[in-house]
Protein backbone atom coordinates (compact mmCIF):
# COMPACT_ATOMS: atom_id res chain seq x y z
CA SER A 1 3.15 20.84 12.74
CA THR A 2 2.24 19.54 16.21
CA VAL A 3 4.54 18.53 19.06
CA LEU A 4 3.25 16.47 21.97
CA THR A 5 5.28 15.29 24.95
CA SER A 6 4.81 12.08 26.89
CA GLY A 7 6.12 12.16 30.44
CA GLY A 8 8.31 9.52 31.98
CA ALA A 9 9.57 9.28 35.52
CA GLY A 10 10.26 12.68 36.95
CA SER A 11 8.82 14.54 33.98
CA SER A 12 6.47 17.46 34.11
CA THR A 13 2.76 17.05 33.52
CA PRO A 14 2.02 16.36 29.86
CA ARG A 15 0.74 19.36 28.00
CA ASP A 16 -3.00 19.17 27.42
CA GLU A 17 -4.36 19.35 23.93
CA PRO A 18 -6.38 22.44 23.05
CA ASP A 19 -10.04 21.99 23.90
CA HIS A 20 -12.15 23.00 20.92
CA ARG A 21 -15.47 22.10 22.52
CA VAL A 22 -18.07 24.80 23.08
CA ASP A 23 -19.67 25.06 26.51
CA ASP A 24 -23.38 24.28 26.28
CA GLY A 25 -24.15 27.37 28.30
CA GLU A 26 -22.31 29.73 25.99
CA PRO A 27 -24.14 31.07 22.94
CA VAL A 28 -22.59 30.15 19.62
CA PRO A 29 -22.31 32.95 17.04
CA GLY A 30 -24.95 32.41 14.38
CA ASP A 31 -22.59 32.74 11.44
CA VAL A 32 -20.19 30.12 12.84
CA SER A 33 -23.00 27.65 13.51
CA LEU A 34 -24.55 28.15 10.08
CA ARG A 35 -21.20 27.86 8.32
CA SER A 36 -20.47 24.55 10.03
CA LEU A 37 -23.85 23.21 8.96
CA THR A 38 -23.54 24.25 5.33
CA GLN A 39 -19.92 23.25 4.82
CA THR A 40 -20.00 19.83 6.50
CA VAL A 41 -22.41 17.07 5.50
CA ARG A 42 -22.51 13.48 6.78
CA VAL A 43 -22.84 11.10 3.85
CA ASP A 44 -23.70 7.40 4.02
CA LEU A 45 -20.86 5.50 2.34
CA ALA A 46 -23.37 3.14 0.75
CA ARG A 47 -24.81 6.07 -1.19
CA LEU A 48 -21.36 7.08 -2.37
CA ASP A 49 -20.67 3.51 -3.44
CA HIS A 50 -23.91 3.55 -5.44
CA LEU A 51 -22.83 6.76 -7.18
CA MET A 52 -19.43 5.25 -7.92
CA ASN A 53 -21.14 2.26 -9.54
CA LEU A 54 -23.19 4.63 -11.68
CA ILE A 55 -19.99 6.35 -12.76
CA GLY A 56 -18.56 2.98 -13.71
CA GLU A 57 -21.63 2.25 -15.81
CA LEU A 58 -21.28 5.65 -17.49
CA GLY A 59 -17.73 4.68 -18.32
CA VAL A 60 -19.00 1.49 -19.93
CA VAL A 61 -21.44 3.51 -22.05
CA HIS A 62 -18.60 5.81 -23.04
CA SER A 63 -16.46 2.85 -24.12
CA THR A 64 -19.33 1.41 -26.15
CA LEU A 65 -20.01 4.72 -27.88
CA THR A 66 -16.32 5.05 -28.66
CA GLY A 67 -16.44 1.70 -30.42
CA THR A 68 -19.51 2.80 -32.37
CA VAL A 69 -17.73 5.94 -33.54
CA GLU A 70 -14.85 3.83 -34.82
CA GLN A 71 -17.24 1.60 -36.76
CA LEU A 72 -18.93 4.63 -38.32
CA ARG A 73 -15.60 6.10 -39.31
CA ARG A 74 -14.62 2.88 -41.09
CA ARG A 75 -17.79 2.97 -43.20
CA GLY A 76 -16.67 6.27 -44.70
CA LYS A 77 -20.06 7.70 -45.66
CA THR A 78 -20.94 8.83 -42.15
CA HIS A 79 -17.89 10.96 -41.45
CA ASP A 80 -19.87 14.02 -40.29
CA LEU A 81 -22.00 11.95 -37.91
CA ALA A 82 -18.91 10.29 -36.48
CA ARG A 83 -17.29 13.70 -35.95
CA ASP A 84 -20.35 15.01 -34.10
CA LEU A 85 -20.54 11.91 -31.95
CA GLN A 86 -16.86 12.22 -31.13
CA GLY A 87 -17.42 15.77 -29.87
CA GLU A 88 -20.26 14.58 -27.66
CA LEU A 89 -18.07 11.81 -26.32
CA ARG A 90 -15.39 14.29 -25.33
CA THR A 91 -17.98 16.37 -23.48
CA MET A 92 -19.32 13.27 -21.76
CA ALA A 93 -15.82 12.21 -20.74
CA ARG A 94 -15.18 15.62 -19.13
CA LYS A 95 -18.46 15.48 -17.20
CA VAL A 96 -17.82 11.94 -16.00
CA SER A 97 -14.33 12.93 -14.88
CA LEU A 98 -15.68 15.89 -12.89
CA LEU A 99 -18.38 13.74 -11.29
CA GLN A 100 -15.85 11.06 -10.46
CA GLN A 101 -13.47 13.52 -8.81
CA GLY A 102 -16.34 15.11 -6.88
CA ILE A 103 -17.38 11.78 -5.41
CA LEU A 104 -13.79 10.92 -4.53
CA ASP A 105 -13.37 14.28 -2.79
CA VAL A 106 -16.38 13.54 -0.58
CA ARG A 107 -14.79 10.25 0.50
CA MET A 108 -11.55 11.92 1.58
CA VAL A 109 -10.75 12.50 5.25
CA PRO A 110 -7.62 13.96 6.90
CA LEU A 111 -5.05 11.63 8.43
CA GLY A 112 -5.28 13.76 11.55
CA GLN A 113 -8.15 11.48 12.63
CA VAL A 114 -5.65 8.63 13.03
CA PHE A 115 -2.74 10.80 14.16
CA ASP A 116 -4.77 12.14 17.11
CA LYS A 117 -5.30 8.57 18.36
CA LEU A 118 -1.60 7.82 18.00
CA ALA A 119 -0.72 10.92 20.01
CA ARG A 120 -2.77 9.57 22.92
CA VAL A 121 -1.07 6.17 22.57
CA VAL A 122 2.39 7.79 22.75
CA ARG A 123 1.49 9.59 25.98
CA LYS A 124 0.04 6.43 27.55
CA LEU A 125 2.80 4.02 26.51
CA GLY A 126 5.52 6.54 27.32
CA ARG A 127 4.27 6.80 30.89
CA GLU A 128 3.97 3.00 31.19
CA ALA A 129 7.53 2.52 29.91
CA GLY A 130 8.92 5.29 32.11
CA LYS A 131 10.30 7.10 29.07
CA GLU A 132 10.08 10.73 28.07
CA ILE A 133 9.07 10.92 24.42
CA ARG A 134 8.31 13.88 22.21
CA LEU A 135 6.00 13.17 19.27
CA GLY A 136 6.23 15.48 16.29
CA ILE A 137 3.34 15.45 13.83
CA SER A 138 3.36 17.02 10.39
CA GLY A 139 1.03 16.60 7.43
CA ALA A 140 -2.05 15.73 9.51
CA GLU A 141 -4.13 17.62 6.95
CA THR A 142 -3.08 15.16 4.21
CA GLU A 143 -6.19 13.36 2.96
CA LEU A 144 -6.89 9.74 2.06
CA ASP A 145 -9.98 7.72 1.27
CA LYS A 146 -11.98 7.11 4.45
CA LEU A 147 -11.81 3.33 4.00
CA ILE A 148 -8.00 3.43 3.85
CA VAL A 149 -7.72 5.72 6.88
CA GLU A 150 -9.90 3.37 8.95
CA GLU A 151 -7.63 0.42 8.12
CA LEU A 152 -4.44 2.34 8.98
CA SER A 153 -4.97 2.60 12.73
CA ASP A 154 -3.74 -0.89 13.66
CA PRO A 155 -0.54 -1.04 11.54
CA LEU A 156 0.48 2.51 12.52
CA MET A 157 -0.29 1.73 16.17
CA HIS A 158 2.01 -1.28 15.98
CA MET A 159 4.82 0.79 14.45
CA ILE A 160 4.50 3.43 17.18
CA ARG A 161 4.49 0.76 19.88
CA ASN A 162 7.70 -0.67 18.44
CA CYS A 163 9.35 2.72 18.57
CA ILE A 164 8.49 3.10 22.24
CA ASP A 165 9.07 -0.47 23.43
CA HIS A 166 12.17 -1.34 21.44
CA GLY A 167 13.51 1.74 19.68
CA ILE A 168 13.71 4.59 22.18
CA GLU A 169 16.27 3.93 24.92
CA PRO A 170 15.62 4.59 28.64
CA ARG A 171 16.61 8.07 29.87
CA SER A 172 19.77 6.87 31.65
CA GLU A 173 21.00 4.97 28.59
CA ARG A 174 20.40 7.96 26.31
CA LEU A 175 22.31 10.31 28.60
CA ALA A 176 25.19 7.84 28.87
CA ILE A 177 25.69 7.81 25.09
CA GLY A 178 25.29 11.54 24.65
CA LYS A 179 21.71 11.64 23.39
CA PRO A 180 19.03 14.05 24.63
CA ALA A 181 17.11 12.66 27.61
CA ILE A 182 13.84 12.98 25.74
CA GLY A 183 13.32 10.50 22.92
CA ARG A 184 11.85 11.68 19.63
CA ILE A 185 9.28 10.09 17.32
CA GLU A 186 8.30 11.85 14.10
CA LEU A 187 5.01 11.05 12.38
CA ARG A 188 4.90 12.58 8.90
CA ALA A 189 2.50 12.44 5.97
CA PHE A 190 2.88 14.01 2.56
CA GLN A 191 1.72 13.55 -1.02
CA ARG A 192 4.12 12.16 -3.61
CA GLY A 193 2.53 12.21 -7.04
CA SER A 194 -0.72 10.26 -6.95
CA ARG A 195 0.22 8.50 -3.70
CA VAL A 196 0.57 9.40 -0.02
CA VAL A 197 3.65 8.59 2.06
CA ILE A 198 3.47 8.13 5.84
CA GLU A 199 6.74 7.97 7.78
CA VAL A 200 7.29 6.84 11.37
CA GLU A 201 10.79 7.78 12.52
CA ASP A 202 12.46 7.39 15.91
CA ASP A 203 15.87 8.45 17.18
CA GLY A 204 16.44 5.25 19.15
CA ARG A 205 18.84 2.33 18.92
CA GLY A 206 18.31 1.40 15.30
CA ILE A 207 18.46 -2.23 14.13
CA ASP A 208 21.70 -4.19 13.98
CA TRP A 209 21.59 -6.50 10.95
CA ARG A 210 24.08 -8.84 12.64
CA GLN A 211 21.61 -9.53 15.44
CA ILE A 212 18.87 -10.14 12.89
CA ARG A 213 21.13 -12.66 11.17
CA GLU A 214 21.83 -14.43 14.48
CA ALA A 215 18.10 -14.64 15.20
CA ALA A 216 17.49 -16.02 11.69
CA LEU A 217 20.15 -18.68 12.29
CA ARG A 218 18.61 -19.67 15.62
CA LYS A 219 15.18 -20.01 14.04
CA GLY A 220 16.51 -21.91 11.04
CA VAL A 221 15.06 -19.43 8.56
CA MET A 222 17.70 -20.55 6.06
CA PRO A 223 21.13 -22.22 6.05
CA GLU A 224 24.06 -20.17 7.35
CA HIS A 225 25.91 -20.15 4.01
CA GLU A 226 22.84 -18.65 2.32
CA LEU A 227 22.41 -16.02 5.02
CA ARG A 228 26.01 -14.94 4.57
CA GLU A 229 25.33 -14.19 0.90
CA LEU A 230 22.62 -11.64 1.75
CA SER A 231 23.36 -7.93 2.00
CA PRO A 232 22.81 -6.16 5.36
CA GLN A 233 19.62 -4.53 4.01
CA GLN A 234 18.28 -7.89 2.81
CA ILE A 235 18.92 -9.35 6.26
CA ILE A 236 17.08 -6.49 7.98
CA GLU A 237 14.12 -7.08 5.68
CA LEU A 238 13.84 -10.66 6.95
CA VAL A 239 11.70 -9.17 9.75
CA PHE A 240 8.90 -8.96 7.16
CA MET A 241 8.91 -12.73 6.57
CA PRO A 242 5.90 -14.62 7.99
CA GLY A 243 6.58 -16.18 11.37
CA PHE A 244 9.86 -14.31 11.89
CA THR A 245 9.96 -12.78 15.37
CA THR A 246 12.78 -10.81 16.90
CA ARG A 247 11.67 -10.21 20.48
CA SER A 248 15.12 -10.97 21.86
CA ILE A 249 16.84 -8.43 19.62
CA PRO A 250 17.34 -4.94 21.12
CA GLY A 251 15.83 -2.30 18.87
CA ALA A 252 14.29 -4.83 16.50
CA LEU A 253 10.88 -4.49 14.92
CA SER A 254 9.06 -6.81 17.29
CA GLY A 255 5.76 -6.30 19.01
CA ARG A 256 3.35 -7.83 21.43
CA GLY A 257 2.26 -10.92 19.55
CA VAL A 258 1.97 -9.20 16.16
CA GLY A 259 4.86 -9.61 13.76
CA MET A 260 5.93 -7.12 11.13
CA ASP A 261 4.74 -9.61 8.51
CA VAL A 262 1.17 -8.87 9.66
CA VAL A 263 1.79 -5.13 9.37
CA LYS A 264 3.24 -5.66 5.88
CA THR A 265 0.26 -7.79 4.88
CA ASN A 266 -2.25 -5.22 6.14
CA ILE A 267 -0.49 -2.45 4.23
CA GLY A 268 -0.34 -4.70 1.15
CA ARG A 269 -4.11 -5.25 1.31
CA LEU A 270 -4.45 -1.50 0.84
CA SER A 271 -2.23 -1.71 -2.27
CA GLY A 272 0.55 -0.11 -0.23
CA LEU A 273 4.25 -0.70 0.19
CA ILE A 274 6.35 -0.60 3.37
CA ASP A 275 10.09 -0.02 3.59
CA VAL A 276 12.54 0.20 6.48
CA ASN A 277 15.70 2.26 6.78
CA THR A 278 17.81 2.10 9.91
CA THR A 279 21.15 3.23 11.31
CA VAL A 280 22.54 1.59 14.45
CA GLY A 281 22.63 4.10 17.27
CA ARG A 282 20.68 6.74 15.36
CA GLY A 283 17.21 5.29 14.80
CA THR A 284 14.80 3.72 12.35
CA THR A 285 12.36 5.04 9.74
CA LEU A 286 9.42 3.03 8.46
CA SER A 287 7.89 4.41 5.25
CA VAL A 288 4.41 3.43 4.09
CA THR A 289 3.31 4.40 0.57
CA LEU A 290 -0.41 4.23 -0.23
CA PRO A 291 -2.82 5.08 -3.04
CA VAL A 292 -5.10 8.05 -2.33
CA THR A 293 -8.24 5.96 -2.93
CA LEU A 294 -9.32 2.41 -3.64
CA ALA A 295 -12.83 3.33 -4.86
CA ILE A 296 -11.81 3.84 -8.47
CA ILE A 297 -8.42 2.86 -9.79
CA GLN A 298 -6.41 2.69 -12.95
CA ALA A 299 -5.99 -0.88 -14.06
CA LEU A 300 -3.92 -2.75 -16.61
CA VAL A 301 -6.18 -5.08 -18.60
CA VAL A 302 -4.51 -8.38 -19.52
CA GLU A 303 -5.49 -11.71 -21.02
CA THR A 304 -4.21 -15.15 -20.15
CA ALA A 305 -5.53 -18.59 -21.11
CA GLY A 306 -8.48 -16.89 -22.81
CA GLN A 307 -9.52 -15.09 -19.59
CA THR A 308 -9.41 -11.32 -19.03
CA PHE A 309 -8.12 -9.86 -15.75
CA CYS A 310 -7.47 -6.37 -14.39
CA ILE A 311 -4.28 -5.59 -12.44
CA PRO A 312 -4.25 -2.42 -10.26
CA LEU A 313 -1.81 -0.08 -11.96
CA ASN A 314 -0.47 1.20 -8.64
CA SER A 315 0.98 -2.28 -8.05
CA VAL A 316 2.61 -2.45 -11.49
CA LEU A 317 6.24 -1.35 -11.60
CA GLU A 318 6.74 -1.97 -15.32
CA SER A 319 5.62 -4.21 -18.17
CA ILE A 320 8.21 -5.80 -20.46
CA MET A 321 8.62 -8.37 -23.19
CA VAL A 322 11.17 -11.11 -22.54
CA GLY A 323 12.62 -13.62 -24.97
CA ARG A 324 11.90 -17.23 -24.01
CA GLY A 325 15.62 -17.88 -24.23
CA GLU A 326 16.20 -15.40 -21.39
CA VAL A 327 14.14 -17.47 -18.96
CA ARG A 328 16.19 -19.83 -16.81
CA THR A 329 15.45 -22.18 -13.94
CA VAL A 330 16.91 -21.72 -10.44
CA GLU A 331 16.01 -24.24 -7.72
CA GLY A 332 13.01 -25.33 -9.79
CA ALA A 333 11.67 -21.80 -10.25
CA GLU A 334 11.61 -19.81 -13.49
CA VAL A 335 13.47 -16.49 -13.31
CA VAL A 336 14.85 -13.77 -15.57
CA THR A 337 17.49 -11.13 -14.99
CA LEU A 338 16.05 -7.60 -14.97
CA HIS A 339 18.21 -4.53 -14.35
CA GLY A 340 20.97 -6.84 -13.16
CA LYS A 341 18.75 -8.51 -10.54
CA THR A 342 16.98 -11.87 -10.44
CA LEU A 343 13.21 -11.66 -10.92
CA PRO A 344 11.00 -14.71 -10.12
CA LEU A 345 8.38 -15.43 -12.80
CA ALA A 346 4.84 -16.63 -12.14
CA PRO A 347 2.56 -17.45 -15.10
CA LEU A 348 -0.87 -16.03 -14.21
CA ALA A 349 -2.61 -19.03 -15.78
CA ARG A 350 -0.73 -21.39 -13.45
CA LEU A 351 -1.59 -19.34 -10.35
CA PHE A 352 -5.30 -19.77 -11.09
CA GLY A 353 -5.11 -23.33 -12.40
CA LEU A 354 -6.02 -22.35 -15.96
CA PRO A 355 -4.84 -24.40 -18.96
CA ALA A 356 -1.74 -22.78 -20.43
CA VAL A 357 -2.01 -21.65 -24.04
CA ARG A 358 1.27 -22.16 -25.89
CA THR A 359 1.87 -19.50 -28.53
CA ALA A 360 4.34 -19.51 -31.40
CA SER A 361 5.83 -16.22 -30.24
CA GLU A 362 9.39 -16.34 -28.98
CA ARG A 363 8.69 -13.47 -26.58
CA ILE A 364 6.44 -13.34 -23.52
CA TYR A 365 4.72 -10.48 -21.69
CA VAL A 366 5.89 -9.96 -18.10
CA ILE A 367 4.10 -7.61 -15.69
CA VAL A 368 6.49 -6.69 -12.86
CA VAL A 369 4.51 -6.17 -9.64
CA GLY A 370 5.67 -5.38 -6.12
CA LEU A 371 4.64 -5.93 -2.51
CA ALA A 372 6.82 -4.37 0.17
CA GLN A 373 10.41 -5.37 -0.68
CA HIS A 374 9.48 -8.22 -3.03
CA ARG A 375 9.17 -8.11 -6.83
CA VAL A 376 7.54 -10.78 -9.01
CA GLY A 377 6.98 -11.02 -12.78
CA LEU A 378 3.46 -12.12 -13.73
CA VAL A 379 3.50 -13.81 -17.15
CA VAL A 380 0.43 -13.11 -19.34
CA ASP A 381 -0.54 -13.78 -22.96
CA GLU A 382 -1.67 -10.29 -24.01
CA LEU A 383 -1.73 -6.69 -22.81
CA LEU A 384 -5.12 -5.16 -23.72
CA GLY A 385 -4.54 -1.63 -22.42
CA GLN A 386 -5.25 0.61 -19.43
CA GLN A 387 -8.63 1.70 -18.06
CA ASP A 388 -10.16 3.44 -15.05
CA VAL A 389 -12.32 0.89 -13.24
CA VAL A 390 -14.76 0.96 -10.34
CA ILE A 391 -14.18 -1.90 -7.91
CA LYS A 392 -17.25 -3.97 -7.09
CA SER A 393 -17.40 -6.48 -4.26
CA LEU A 394 -17.80 -10.19 -4.96
CA GLY A 395 -20.50 -12.52 -3.77
CA SER A 396 -19.85 -14.63 -0.69
CA ALA A 397 -18.87 -17.64 -2.82
CA LEU A 398 -16.00 -15.77 -4.50
CA ARG A 399 -15.00 -13.39 -1.72
CA ARG A 400 -12.50 -15.83 -0.24
CA VAL A 401 -10.85 -16.90 -3.49
CA PRO A 402 -7.11 -16.20 -3.03
CA GLY A 403 -5.69 -13.65 -5.43
CA ILE A 404 -9.02 -11.97 -6.29
CA ALA A 405 -9.75 -8.51 -4.85
CA GLY A 406 -13.06 -7.81 -6.59
CA ALA A 407 -14.69 -7.43 -9.96
CA THR A 408 -15.26 -4.66 -12.46
CA GLU A 409 -17.15 -4.09 -15.68
CA LEU A 410 -15.54 -3.35 -19.02
CA GLY A 411 -17.03 -2.31 -22.36
CA GLY A 412 -19.63 -4.59 -23.89
CA GLY A 413 -21.00 -5.54 -20.47
CA ARG A 414 -18.09 -7.89 -19.70
CA THR A 415 -17.47 -8.52 -16.01
CA VAL A 416 -13.84 -9.31 -15.24
CA LEU A 417 -11.95 -10.10 -12.05
CA LEU A 418 -9.57 -7.65 -10.38
CA LEU A 419 -6.39 -9.26 -9.05
CA ASP A 420 -5.23 -9.01 -5.44
CA VAL A 421 -1.55 -8.43 -6.20
CA ALA A 422 -0.54 -8.63 -2.54
CA ALA A 423 -1.98 -12.14 -2.19
CA LEU A 424 -0.42 -13.32 -5.45
CA VAL A 425 3.03 -12.01 -4.55
CA GLU A 426 2.78 -13.59 -1.10
CA GLU A 427 1.90 -16.93 -2.70
CA VAL A 428 4.90 -16.79 -5.02
CA VAL A 429 7.18 -15.53 -2.25
CA GLY A 430 6.05 -18.20 0.18
CA ARG A 431 6.49 -20.99 -2.36
CA GLU A 432 9.60 -19.97 -4.28
CA LEU A 433 11.47 -17.14 -2.54
CA PRO A 434 13.14 -19.11 0.29
CA ALA A 435 15.09 -21.11 -2.31
CA LEU A 436 15.79 -18.02 -4.39
CA LEU A 437 16.81 -15.58 -1.63
CA PRO A 438 20.57 -15.77 -2.24
CA ASN A 439 19.95 -14.90 -5.91
CA VAL A 440 17.14 -12.36 -5.57
CA GLU A 441 17.99 -8.71 -5.02
CA MET A 442 15.29 -7.12 -2.85
CA HIS A 443 14.26 -3.58 -3.71
CA HIS A 444 13.83 -0.53 -1.51
CA GLY A 445 11.88 2.68 -1.76
CA ALA A 446 8.55 3.47 -3.36
């Protein structure tokens, strides 16, 4: 755990960080120098990506061989051969898994690389704002994929800036209400299952949902009678809506030209979720939940309108079957009630302009996906199973297609598209949620 102090007016000189550099004129012990050379290797990410693609191709071979074993078993007369092949397949699967994990480990870097930058920002902005702020850091050793860590700097920087500019009160105000003169920001990271959680917490003013509601009324976000039907937490989460700014609200999540909707979108692009918890007068906590890596992911394979798609499993909350009679229409949008809450439905075929295939079944498959506080049910024709997939980039012609994150290869040499769940949810939310807000229960937590 690390504690750094940023000095405001009248504060003592900020404590310097330990200097780990070695003076050029001082000899370095041979064993230390050698150990650093043998234990640390710079690796070109392009080479790692190539290895990941090879692993994906090995997985395709494994799937094909598995199908061959099943065919042999059905013939009956080749039982011994099928048994031997099955043993080899198990061995191959173990080797591929070890290779895959080894490559992923090489890609991992500690979050301390980002946290160190944020510590410098706290010192600088604290001085500029004339506030004394103590930054506590824990979990800097927690590791994430290098590509994710590189994309985290901007959203985390914006959250920290909000804490300093709008959360932490000036020294005189803090003393007047019985708070310590020095404001506190906690930056924490820890692993939760297969995901990593990053929390940014301050002990400042907190966010008053009533002031958020007033700002929403002034901006005409929605009619007053609809706003009054929202819960306090739902109103606070309006700060994540595109174009919603709250610069005039003390303690609100507003920044210098960058709204919280941009932060939410950036986190969503990393297949992450962001949640806010706040108490007026006590402070605010922003929680970001992220996958450990985006290089290889578990995906749910689905089919709709004769096309196969992969959905990142870390964006899937649950998959259910719903009777057609349970689907109802609210303000022109199809919805169902799930766990006592209204869930907007979005047929995947419609989102991509594919011809809908009407089946005789009275039940439909619904994949419940989430982005930040929003939940949407993607309607598909079939669930084909789960599979580990290696994400491959698209050509320039397809790279900008909304709702598509990349491509991957399945058994039999089939190339299928991987869905960008964040973009799809945003499309549904932007088109249908404003009318549904009084009926939709937003969700919290990871």
